[in-house]
């Protein structure tokens, strides 16, 4: 016979279902405690044929009354709803009109800001063009009168400067080609 693998929990469950068996020891203490068995007494039942019909009628009458109360409650609730809806509808229309006014004011403000931005751009563009004109007019100035012997000085090349105590000396050389 092949061996079976039964978990301890399922084995304990089976023992619990089996009940009190004196052959199998209760190692885990999970069995039901033995209760003294007393002779079972049958309850006394008296059946009246009209009583069953009265119970059914009572249950049906109770359900009918509950349904009628629920219907009245719903009727009262829906009677109040139109007046509440008209009040809230009027309130919402006021809110919508306020929001429309704010929206118009914001649009006007945006248009004003946009106009100011375009004016600023125009001013910048004009100032840039005037800056370019001023720059070009400075470059087009006639050259100052030439210093006498300046052409002769242009042939010399500066080599450097030396300083010994309080005396300073500059070194020049004549450019090639002269």
N, C-alpha and C. Protein backbone atom coordinates (compact mmCIF):
# COMPACT_ATOMS: atom_id res chain seq x y z
N UNK A 1 0.83 -1.17 0.00
CA UNK A 1 0.00 0.00 0.00
C UNK A 1 0.89 1.25 0.00
N UNK A 2 0.62 2.20 -0.91
CA UNK A 2 1.49 3.39 -0.98
C UNK A 2 1.28 4.27 0.26
N UNK A 3 2.33 4.98 0.60
CA UNK A 3 2.24 5.87 1.77
C UNK A 3 1.55 7.17 1.37
N UNK A 4 0.81 7.72 2.32
CA UNK A 4 0.11 8.98 2.07
C UNK A 4 0.76 10.08 2.90
N UNK A 5 0.75 11.24 2.32
CA UNK A 5 1.28 12.40 3.03
C UNK A 5 0.12 13.24 3.51
N UNK A 6 -0.15 13.19 4.80
CA UNK A 6 -1.25 13.94 5.40
C UNK A 6 -0.63 14.97 6.34
N UNK A 7 -1.05 16.21 6.17
CA UNK A 7 -0.51 17.27 7.02
C UNK A 7 -1.06 17.12 8.43
N UNK A 8 -0.33 17.59 9.42
CA UNK A 8 -0.80 17.49 10.80
C UNK A 8 -2.12 18.21 11.02
N UNK A 9 -2.36 19.31 10.30
CA UNK A 9 -3.60 20.05 10.47
C UNK A 9 -4.79 19.23 9.98
N UNK A 10 -4.63 18.58 8.82
CA UNK A 10 -5.75 17.79 8.31
C UNK A 10 -5.98 16.55 9.18
N UNK A 11 -4.92 15.96 9.77
CA UNK A 11 -5.07 14.82 10.65
C UNK A 11 -5.83 15.23 11.91
N UNK A 12 -5.45 16.42 12.46
CA UNK A 12 -6.13 16.92 13.65
C UNK A 12 -7.60 17.20 13.35
N UNK A 13 -7.86 17.71 12.15
CA UNK A 13 -9.24 17.98 11.76
C UNK A 13 -10.06 16.69 11.70
N UNK A 14 -9.46 15.64 11.14
CA UNK A 14 -10.14 14.34 11.06
C UNK A 14 -10.43 13.79 12.45
N UNK A 15 -9.45 13.92 13.35
CA UNK A 15 -9.65 13.45 14.72
C UNK A 15 -10.79 14.21 15.39
N UNK A 16 -10.82 15.51 15.14
CA UNK A 16 -11.86 16.32 15.75
C UNK A 16 -13.23 15.89 15.24
N UNK A 17 -13.33 15.57 13.96
CA UNK A 17 -14.60 15.15 13.39
C UNK A 17 -15.02 13.76 13.89
N UNK A 18 -14.03 12.91 14.13
CA UNK A 18 -14.34 11.56 14.61
C UNK A 18 -14.91 11.59 16.03
N UNK A 19 -14.43 12.54 16.79
CA UNK A 19 -14.94 12.64 18.15
C UNK A 19 -14.07 11.87 19.12
N UNK A 20 -14.66 11.46 20.21
CA UNK A 20 -13.93 10.83 21.29
C UNK A 20 -13.74 9.34 20.99
N UNK A 21 -12.50 8.94 20.75
CA UNK A 21 -12.19 7.53 20.49
C UNK A 21 -11.15 7.12 21.53
N UNK A 22 -11.48 6.21 22.43
CA UNK A 22 -10.54 5.87 23.51
C UNK A 22 -9.29 5.15 22.99
N UNK A 23 -9.32 4.57 21.80
CA UNK A 23 -8.16 3.87 21.28
C UNK A 23 -7.09 4.86 20.83
N UNK A 24 -7.50 6.02 20.25
CA UNK A 24 -6.54 7.01 19.74
C UNK A 24 -6.29 8.03 20.85
N UNK A 25 -5.03 8.17 21.26
CA UNK A 25 -4.75 9.13 22.34
C UNK A 25 -4.90 10.57 21.83
N UNK A 26 -5.35 11.46 22.72
CA UNK A 26 -5.51 12.89 22.38
C UNK A 26 -4.23 13.62 22.76
N UNK A 27 -3.28 13.68 21.81
CA UNK A 27 -1.98 14.28 22.10
C UNK A 27 -2.05 15.81 22.13
N UNK A 28 -2.83 16.37 21.25
CA UNK A 28 -2.86 17.82 21.13
C UNK A 28 -3.99 18.45 21.92
N UNK A 29 -4.84 17.68 22.51
CA UNK A 29 -5.95 18.20 23.31
C UNK A 29 -6.98 18.91 22.46
N UNK A 30 -7.30 18.35 21.31
CA UNK A 30 -8.23 19.03 20.41
C UNK A 30 -9.59 18.38 20.37
N UNK A 31 -9.78 17.28 21.09
CA UNK A 31 -11.07 16.60 21.02
C UNK A 31 -12.12 17.36 21.79
N UNK A 32 -13.33 17.10 21.40
CA UNK A 32 -14.45 17.71 22.09
C UNK A 32 -14.55 17.09 23.48
N UNK A 33 -14.85 17.91 24.48
CA UNK A 33 -15.00 17.32 25.81
C UNK A 33 -16.27 16.47 25.84
N UNK A 34 -16.15 15.42 26.56
CA UNK A 34 -17.30 14.50 26.65
C UNK A 34 -18.40 15.16 27.44
N UNK A 35 -19.55 15.17 26.89
CA UNK A 35 -20.69 15.78 27.59
C UNK A 35 -21.60 14.65 28.06
N UNK A 36 -22.15 14.79 29.24
CA UNK A 36 -23.04 13.72 29.72
C UNK A 36 -24.27 13.67 28.84
N UNK A 37 -24.59 12.50 28.42
CA UNK A 37 -25.72 12.33 27.52
C UNK A 37 -26.97 12.11 28.36
N UNK A 38 -27.90 13.01 28.18
CA UNK A 38 -29.19 12.94 28.88
C UNK A 38 -30.22 12.45 27.87
N UNK A 39 -31.23 11.82 28.36
CA UNK A 39 -32.25 11.36 27.41
C UNK A 39 -32.90 12.57 26.74
N UNK A 40 -33.02 12.51 25.45
CA UNK A 40 -33.59 13.61 24.68
C UNK A 40 -35.09 13.64 24.88
N UNK A 41 -35.58 14.85 25.19
CA UNK A 41 -37.01 15.02 25.37
C UNK A 41 -37.54 15.71 24.13
N UNK A 42 -38.56 15.24 23.61
CA UNK A 42 -39.18 15.83 22.43
C UNK A 42 -39.99 17.04 22.87
N UNK A 43 -39.85 18.18 22.16
CA UNK A 43 -40.63 19.36 22.54
C UNK A 43 -42.10 19.12 22.24
N UNK A 44 -42.87 19.74 23.04
CA UNK A 44 -44.31 19.59 22.88
C UNK A 44 -44.77 20.55 21.80
N UNK A 45 -45.40 20.03 20.80
CA UNK A 45 -45.88 20.86 19.71
C UNK A 45 -47.39 20.70 19.59
N UNK A 46 -48.00 21.84 19.64
CA UNK A 46 -49.44 21.84 19.46
C UNK A 46 -49.71 22.56 18.16
N UNK A 47 -50.37 21.92 17.28
CA UNK A 47 -50.65 22.53 16.00
C UNK A 47 -52.13 22.79 15.88
N UNK A 48 -52.40 24.02 15.62
CA UNK A 48 -53.78 24.42 15.37
C UNK A 48 -53.87 24.78 13.89
N UNK A 49 -54.84 24.30 13.18
CA UNK A 49 -54.90 24.57 11.75
C UNK A 49 -55.10 26.04 11.42
N UNK A 50 -55.77 26.80 12.19
CA UNK A 50 -56.00 28.22 11.90
C UNK A 50 -54.82 29.09 12.27
N UNK A 51 -53.96 28.59 13.18
CA UNK A 51 -52.82 29.36 13.64
C UNK A 51 -51.80 29.57 12.53
N UNK A 52 -51.57 28.58 11.71
CA UNK A 52 -50.60 28.69 10.60
C UNK A 52 -51.08 29.75 9.62
N UNK A 53 -52.35 29.78 9.34
CA UNK A 53 -52.89 30.78 8.42
C UNK A 53 -52.77 32.18 9.01
N UNK A 54 -52.96 32.30 10.33
CA UNK A 54 -52.84 33.60 10.97
C UNK A 54 -51.40 34.12 10.91
N UNK A 55 -50.43 33.21 11.04
CA UNK A 55 -49.02 33.61 10.96
C UNK A 55 -48.70 34.13 9.57
N UNK A 56 -49.17 33.43 8.55
CA UNK A 56 -48.91 33.88 7.18
C UNK A 56 -49.56 35.22 6.91
N UNK A 57 -50.77 35.40 7.39
CA UNK A 57 -51.48 36.65 7.17
C UNK A 57 -50.78 37.79 7.91
N UNK A 58 -50.29 37.52 9.12
CA UNK A 58 -49.58 38.54 9.90
C UNK A 58 -48.29 38.98 9.21
N UNK A 59 -47.56 38.02 8.67
CA UNK A 59 -46.32 38.35 7.97
C UNK A 59 -46.63 39.19 6.73
N UNK A 60 -47.60 38.80 5.97
CA UNK A 60 -47.97 39.54 4.77
C UNK A 60 -48.48 40.93 5.11
N UNK A 61 -49.26 41.05 6.20
CA UNK A 61 -49.77 42.37 6.61
C UNK A 61 -48.61 43.27 7.04
N UNK A 62 -47.64 42.71 7.75
CA UNK A 62 -46.47 43.50 8.18
C UNK A 62 -45.67 43.99 6.96
N UNK A 63 -45.46 43.12 5.97
CA UNK A 63 -44.74 43.54 4.76
C UNK A 63 -45.51 44.62 4.01
N UNK A 64 -46.85 44.48 3.99
CA UNK A 64 -47.67 45.49 3.31
C UNK A 64 -47.56 46.84 3.99
N UNK A 65 -47.58 46.86 5.31
CA UNK A 65 -47.47 48.11 6.06
C UNK A 65 -46.10 48.74 5.84
N UNK A 66 -45.04 47.92 5.85
CA UNK A 66 -43.69 48.43 5.61
C UNK A 66 -43.58 49.03 4.22
N UNK A 67 -44.13 48.38 3.21
CA UNK A 67 -44.09 48.91 1.84
C UNK A 67 -44.86 50.22 1.74
N UNK A 68 -46.01 50.31 2.42
CA UNK A 68 -46.79 51.54 2.39
C UNK A 68 -46.02 52.69 3.04
N UNK A 69 -45.34 52.43 4.16
CA UNK A 69 -44.54 53.46 4.84
C UNK A 69 -43.37 53.90 3.95
N UNK A 70 -42.74 52.94 3.33
CA UNK A 70 -41.62 53.26 2.44
C UNK A 70 -42.09 54.10 1.25
N UNK A 71 -43.25 53.78 0.70
CA UNK A 71 -43.81 54.56 -0.40
C UNK A 71 -44.12 55.99 0.02
N UNK A 72 -44.70 56.17 1.21
CA UNK A 72 -44.98 57.52 1.71
C UNK A 72 -43.69 58.31 1.91
N UNK A 73 -42.69 57.64 2.43
CA UNK A 73 -41.39 58.30 2.63
C UNK A 73 -40.82 58.78 1.30
N UNK A 74 -40.83 57.92 0.29
CA UNK A 74 -40.31 58.31 -1.03
C UNK A 74 -41.14 59.44 -1.63
N UNK A 75 -42.47 59.39 -1.46
CA UNK A 75 -43.33 60.45 -1.98
C UNK A 75 -42.98 61.79 -1.34
N UNK A 76 -42.80 61.80 -0.02
CA UNK A 76 -42.45 63.04 0.69
C UNK A 76 -41.07 63.54 0.25
N UNK A 77 -40.16 62.62 0.03
CA UNK A 77 -38.81 62.99 -0.39
C UNK A 77 -38.83 63.63 -1.78
N UNK A 78 -39.58 63.06 -2.70
CA UNK A 78 -39.62 63.60 -4.05
C UNK A 78 -40.47 64.87 -4.15
N UNK A 79 -41.35 65.11 -3.21
CA UNK A 79 -42.11 66.35 -3.21
C UNK A 79 -41.21 67.53 -2.83
N UNK A 80 -40.24 67.28 -1.95
CA UNK A 80 -39.32 68.33 -1.54
C UNK A 80 -38.26 68.59 -2.61
N UNK A 81 -37.94 67.62 -3.41
CA UNK A 81 -36.85 67.72 -4.37
C UNK A 81 -37.02 68.86 -5.36
N UNK A 82 -38.20 69.09 -5.98
CA UNK A 82 -38.30 70.19 -6.95
C UNK A 82 -38.03 71.56 -6.34
N UNK A 83 -38.49 71.82 -5.13
CA UNK A 83 -38.23 73.12 -4.52
C UNK A 83 -36.75 73.27 -4.21
N UNK A 84 -36.12 72.22 -3.75
CA UNK A 84 -34.68 72.27 -3.48
C UNK A 84 -33.90 72.44 -4.78
N UNK A 85 -34.34 71.77 -5.83
CA UNK A 85 -33.66 71.87 -7.11
C UNK A 85 -33.76 73.27 -7.70
N UNK A 86 -34.93 73.89 -7.58
CA UNK A 86 -35.08 75.24 -8.13
C UNK A 86 -34.20 76.23 -7.37
N UNK A 87 -34.10 76.07 -6.04
CA UNK A 87 -33.24 76.96 -5.25
C UNK A 87 -31.78 76.76 -5.62
N UNK A 88 -31.36 75.52 -5.73
CA UNK A 88 -29.96 75.26 -6.08
C UNK A 88 -29.69 75.66 -7.53
N UNK A 89 -30.68 75.52 -8.41
CA UNK A 89 -30.53 75.91 -9.81
C UNK A 89 -30.33 77.43 -9.90
N UNK A 90 -31.11 78.18 -9.14
CA UNK A 90 -30.97 79.64 -9.14
C UNK A 90 -29.59 80.04 -8.60
N UNK A 91 -29.16 79.38 -7.54
CA UNK A 91 -27.84 79.65 -6.97
C UNK A 91 -26.73 79.36 -7.99
N UNK A 92 -26.86 78.25 -8.70
CA UNK A 92 -25.85 77.89 -9.71
C UNK A 92 -25.85 78.89 -10.87
N UNK A 93 -27.02 79.39 -11.26
CA UNK A 93 -27.07 80.39 -12.33
C UNK A 93 -26.38 81.67 -11.91
N UNK A 94 -26.53 82.07 -10.65
CA UNK A 94 -25.82 83.25 -10.14
C UNK A 94 -24.31 83.03 -10.19
N UNK A 95 -23.87 81.84 -9.80
CA UNK A 95 -22.44 81.52 -9.83
C UNK A 95 -21.90 81.57 -11.26
N UNK A 96 -22.68 81.04 -12.20
CA UNK A 96 -22.25 81.03 -13.61
C UNK A 96 -22.14 82.46 -14.14
N UNK A 97 -23.09 83.30 -13.79
CA UNK A 97 -23.04 84.69 -14.26
C UNK A 97 -21.82 85.43 -13.67
N UNK A 98 -21.51 85.16 -12.39
CA UNK A 98 -20.32 85.76 -11.79
C UNK A 98 -19.06 85.30 -12.50
N UNK A 99 -18.99 84.01 -12.79
CA UNK A 99 -17.81 83.47 -13.47
C UNK A 99 -17.67 84.04 -14.88
N UNK A 100 -18.81 84.25 -15.57
CA UNK A 100 -18.75 84.85 -16.91
C UNK A 100 -18.22 86.28 -16.84
N UNK A 101 -18.65 87.04 -15.83
CA UNK A 101 -18.15 88.40 -15.68
C UNK A 101 -16.65 88.40 -15.40
N UNK A 102 -16.21 87.50 -14.55
CA UNK A 102 -14.77 87.41 -14.25
C UNK A 102 -13.99 87.01 -15.49
N UNK A 103 -14.55 86.13 -16.29
CA UNK A 103 -13.89 85.69 -17.52
C UNK A 103 -13.75 86.85 -18.51
N UNK A 104 -14.78 87.67 -18.64
CA UNK A 104 -14.72 88.83 -19.52
C UNK A 104 -13.66 89.81 -19.02
N UNK A 105 -13.61 90.03 -17.70
CA UNK A 105 -12.61 90.94 -17.13
C UNK A 105 -11.20 90.41 -17.37
N UNK A 106 -11.02 89.11 -17.22
CA UNK A 106 -9.69 88.52 -17.45
C UNK A 106 -9.29 88.63 -18.92
N UNK A 107 -10.24 88.44 -19.82
CA UNK A 107 -9.93 88.59 -21.26
C UNK A 107 -9.48 90.01 -21.57
N UNK A 108 -10.19 90.99 -21.01
CA UNK A 108 -9.81 92.39 -21.24
C UNK A 108 -8.42 92.67 -20.68
N UNK A 109 -8.14 92.12 -19.51
CA UNK A 109 -6.83 92.31 -18.90
C UNK A 109 -5.74 91.67 -19.74
N UNK A 110 -6.02 90.51 -20.28
CA UNK A 110 -5.04 89.83 -21.14
C UNK A 110 -4.78 90.65 -22.40
N UNK A 111 -5.84 91.21 -22.98
CA UNK A 111 -5.67 92.04 -24.18
C UNK A 111 -4.86 93.30 -23.87
N UNK A 112 -5.08 93.90 -22.69
CA UNK A 112 -4.31 95.07 -22.29
C UNK A 112 -2.84 94.72 -22.13
N UNK A 113 -2.57 93.59 -21.48
CA UNK A 113 -1.18 93.16 -21.29
C UNK A 113 -0.54 92.87 -22.64
N UNK A 114 -1.29 92.26 -23.53
CA UNK A 114 -0.76 91.95 -24.87
C UNK A 114 -0.42 93.24 -25.61
N UNK A 115 -1.29 94.26 -25.51
CA UNK A 115 -1.00 95.55 -26.15
C UNK A 115 0.27 96.17 -25.57
N UNK A 116 0.42 96.11 -24.25
CA UNK A 116 1.63 96.65 -23.62
C UNK A 116 2.87 95.92 -24.10
N UNK A 117 2.78 94.61 -24.26
CA UNK A 117 3.94 93.83 -24.72
C UNK A 117 4.30 94.24 -26.14
N UNK A 118 3.29 94.41 -27.01
CA UNK A 118 3.57 94.82 -28.39
C UNK A 118 4.19 96.22 -28.44
N UNK A 119 3.70 97.12 -27.59
CA UNK A 119 4.28 98.46 -27.53
C UNK A 119 5.74 98.40 -27.08
N UNK A 120 6.03 97.56 -26.09
CA UNK A 120 7.40 97.42 -25.61
C UNK A 120 8.30 96.84 -26.70
N UNK A 121 7.75 95.90 -27.46
CA UNK A 121 8.54 95.32 -28.55
C UNK A 121 8.83 96.37 -29.63
N UNK A 122 7.83 97.21 -29.92
CA UNK A 122 8.05 98.27 -30.90
C UNK A 122 9.13 99.23 -30.43
N UNK A 123 9.07 99.61 -29.13
CA UNK A 123 10.09 100.51 -28.59
C UNK A 123 11.48 99.89 -28.67
N UNK A 124 11.58 98.62 -28.36
CA UNK A 124 12.88 97.94 -28.44
C UNK A 124 13.38 97.89 -29.87
N UNK A 125 12.49 97.63 -30.79
CA UNK A 125 12.89 97.56 -32.19
C UNK A 125 13.39 98.91 -32.67
N UNK A 126 12.68 99.98 -32.30
CA UNK A 126 13.10 101.32 -32.69
C UNK A 126 14.44 101.67 -32.06
N UNK A 127 14.61 101.31 -30.78
CA UNK A 127 15.87 101.65 -30.11
C UNK A 127 17.03 100.85 -30.71
N UNK A 128 16.77 99.62 -31.14
CA UNK A 128 17.84 98.82 -31.77
C UNK A 128 18.25 99.46 -33.09
N UNK A 129 17.26 99.89 -33.87
CA UNK A 129 17.59 100.53 -35.15
C UNK A 129 18.31 101.85 -34.94
N UNK A 130 17.89 102.60 -33.94
CA UNK A 130 18.58 103.87 -33.68
C UNK A 130 19.99 103.60 -33.17
N UNK A 131 20.20 102.54 -32.42
CA UNK A 131 21.54 102.18 -31.94
C UNK A 131 22.43 101.83 -33.13
N UNK A 132 21.90 101.08 -34.08
CA UNK A 132 22.68 100.73 -35.27
C UNK A 132 23.02 101.96 -36.09
N UNK A 133 22.09 102.91 -36.20
CA UNK A 133 22.37 104.14 -36.95
C UNK A 133 23.44 104.95 -36.25
N UNK A 134 23.35 105.06 -34.91
CA UNK A 134 24.36 105.83 -34.16
C UNK A 134 25.72 105.18 -34.29
N UNK A 135 25.77 103.87 -34.30
CA UNK A 135 27.03 103.15 -34.39
C UNK A 135 27.66 103.40 -35.76
N UNK A 136 26.84 103.34 -36.80
CA UNK A 136 27.38 103.55 -38.13
C UNK A 136 27.79 104.99 -38.35
N UNK A 137 27.11 105.94 -37.71
CA UNK A 137 27.50 107.34 -37.87
C UNK A 137 28.82 107.62 -37.18
N UNK A 138 29.12 106.90 -36.08
CA UNK A 138 30.40 107.08 -35.42
C UNK A 138 31.53 106.57 -36.30
N UNK A 139 31.30 105.50 -37.00
CA UNK A 139 32.33 104.94 -37.87
C UNK A 139 32.55 105.79 -39.10
N UNK A 140 31.55 106.53 -39.52
CA UNK A 140 31.68 107.32 -40.74
C UNK A 140 32.25 108.71 -40.49
N UNK A 141 32.73 109.00 -39.28
CA UNK A 141 33.34 110.29 -39.00
C UNK A 141 34.63 110.42 -39.82
N UNK A 142 34.88 111.61 -40.28
CA UNK A 142 36.15 111.78 -41.00
C UNK A 142 37.31 111.64 -40.02
N UNK A 143 38.40 111.11 -40.51
CA UNK A 143 39.56 110.91 -39.64
C UNK A 143 40.15 112.24 -39.23
N UNK A 144 40.70 112.24 -38.03
CA UNK A 144 41.32 113.47 -37.54
C UNK A 144 42.50 113.85 -38.44
N UNK A 145 42.85 115.08 -38.32
CA UNK A 145 43.98 115.55 -39.11
C UNK A 145 45.24 114.79 -38.72
N UNK A 146 46.02 114.46 -39.70
CA UNK A 146 47.23 113.67 -39.46
C UNK A 146 48.25 114.48 -38.69
N UNK A 147 48.88 113.82 -37.76
CA UNK A 147 49.93 114.44 -36.97
C UNK A 147 51.16 114.53 -37.88
N UNK A 148 51.85 115.67 -37.83
CA UNK A 148 53.03 115.76 -38.68
C UNK A 148 54.02 114.64 -38.35
N UNK A 149 54.62 114.10 -39.32
CA UNK A 149 55.62 113.03 -39.25
C UNK A 149 55.00 111.70 -38.79
N UNK A 150 53.66 111.58 -38.81
CA UNK A 150 53.03 110.33 -38.38
C UNK A 150 53.35 109.21 -39.35
N UNK A 151 53.40 109.52 -40.62
CA UNK A 151 53.70 108.48 -41.60
C UNK A 151 55.09 107.94 -41.37
N UNK A 152 55.97 108.78 -40.94
CA UNK A 152 57.33 108.35 -40.66
C UNK A 152 57.37 107.46 -39.40
N UNK A 153 56.53 107.79 -38.41
CA UNK A 153 56.50 107.01 -37.18
C UNK A 153 55.92 105.62 -37.42
N UNK A 154 55.10 105.45 -38.42
CA UNK A 154 54.47 104.16 -38.69
C UNK A 154 55.47 103.13 -39.17
N UNK A 155 56.63 103.57 -39.60
CA UNK A 155 57.63 102.64 -40.09
C UNK A 155 58.43 102.01 -38.96
N UNK A 156 58.29 102.56 -37.78
CA UNK A 156 59.03 102.03 -36.63
C UNK A 156 58.18 100.95 -35.95
N UNK A 157 58.87 99.92 -35.41
CA UNK A 157 58.20 98.83 -34.70
C UNK A 157 58.68 98.84 -33.26
N UNK A 158 57.71 98.73 -32.32
CA UNK A 158 58.01 98.75 -30.88
C UNK A 158 58.52 97.39 -30.47
N UNK A 159 59.63 97.35 -29.75
CA UNK A 159 60.22 96.08 -29.30
C UNK A 159 60.00 95.83 -27.82
N UNK A 160 59.99 96.86 -27.01
CA UNK A 160 59.78 96.64 -25.59
C UNK A 160 60.22 97.82 -24.77
N UNK A 161 60.21 97.64 -23.43
CA UNK A 161 60.51 98.71 -22.49
C UNK A 161 61.41 98.14 -21.42
N UNK A 162 62.36 98.91 -20.95
CA UNK A 162 63.21 98.47 -19.83
C UNK A 162 63.28 99.60 -18.83
N UNK A 163 63.48 99.20 -17.55
CA UNK A 163 63.53 100.19 -16.48
C UNK A 163 64.67 99.81 -15.56
N UNK A 164 65.56 100.75 -15.36
CA UNK A 164 66.65 100.55 -14.42
C UNK A 164 66.57 101.71 -13.45
N UNK A 165 66.31 101.40 -12.22
CA UNK A 165 66.07 102.37 -11.15
C UNK A 165 65.04 103.40 -11.61
N UNK A 166 65.39 104.66 -11.75
CA UNK A 166 64.41 105.69 -12.11
C UNK A 166 64.36 105.95 -13.61
N UNK A 167 65.22 105.35 -14.38
CA UNK A 167 65.24 105.63 -15.81
C UNK A 167 64.50 104.54 -16.58
N UNK A 168 63.82 104.97 -17.61
CA UNK A 168 63.07 104.04 -18.45
C UNK A 168 63.52 104.21 -19.88
N UNK A 169 63.56 103.09 -20.63
CA UNK A 169 63.97 103.14 -22.02
C UNK A 169 63.01 102.30 -22.84
N UNK A 170 62.72 102.80 -24.05
CA UNK A 170 61.89 102.08 -24.99
C UNK A 170 62.75 101.71 -26.17
N UNK A 171 62.49 100.51 -26.72
CA UNK A 171 63.29 100.04 -27.84
C UNK A 171 62.40 99.93 -29.08
N UNK A 172 62.88 100.51 -30.18
CA UNK A 172 62.18 100.49 -31.45
C UNK A 172 63.15 100.01 -32.51
N UNK A 173 62.58 99.51 -33.59
CA UNK A 173 63.41 99.14 -34.74
C UNK A 173 62.71 99.60 -36.01
N UNK A 174 63.45 99.82 -37.05
CA UNK A 174 62.89 100.26 -38.31
C UNK A 174 62.33 99.05 -39.02
N UNK A 175 61.09 99.18 -39.56
CA UNK A 175 60.43 98.07 -40.24
C UNK A 175 61.17 97.77 -41.53
N UNK A 176 61.13 96.54 -41.96
CA UNK A 176 61.82 96.11 -43.18
C UNK A 176 61.18 96.78 -44.39
N UNK A 177 61.94 96.94 -45.38
CA UNK A 177 61.44 97.54 -46.61
C UNK A 177 61.65 99.03 -46.68
N UNK A 178 62.38 99.60 -45.74
CA UNK A 178 62.65 101.05 -45.78
C UNK A 178 64.06 101.27 -46.00
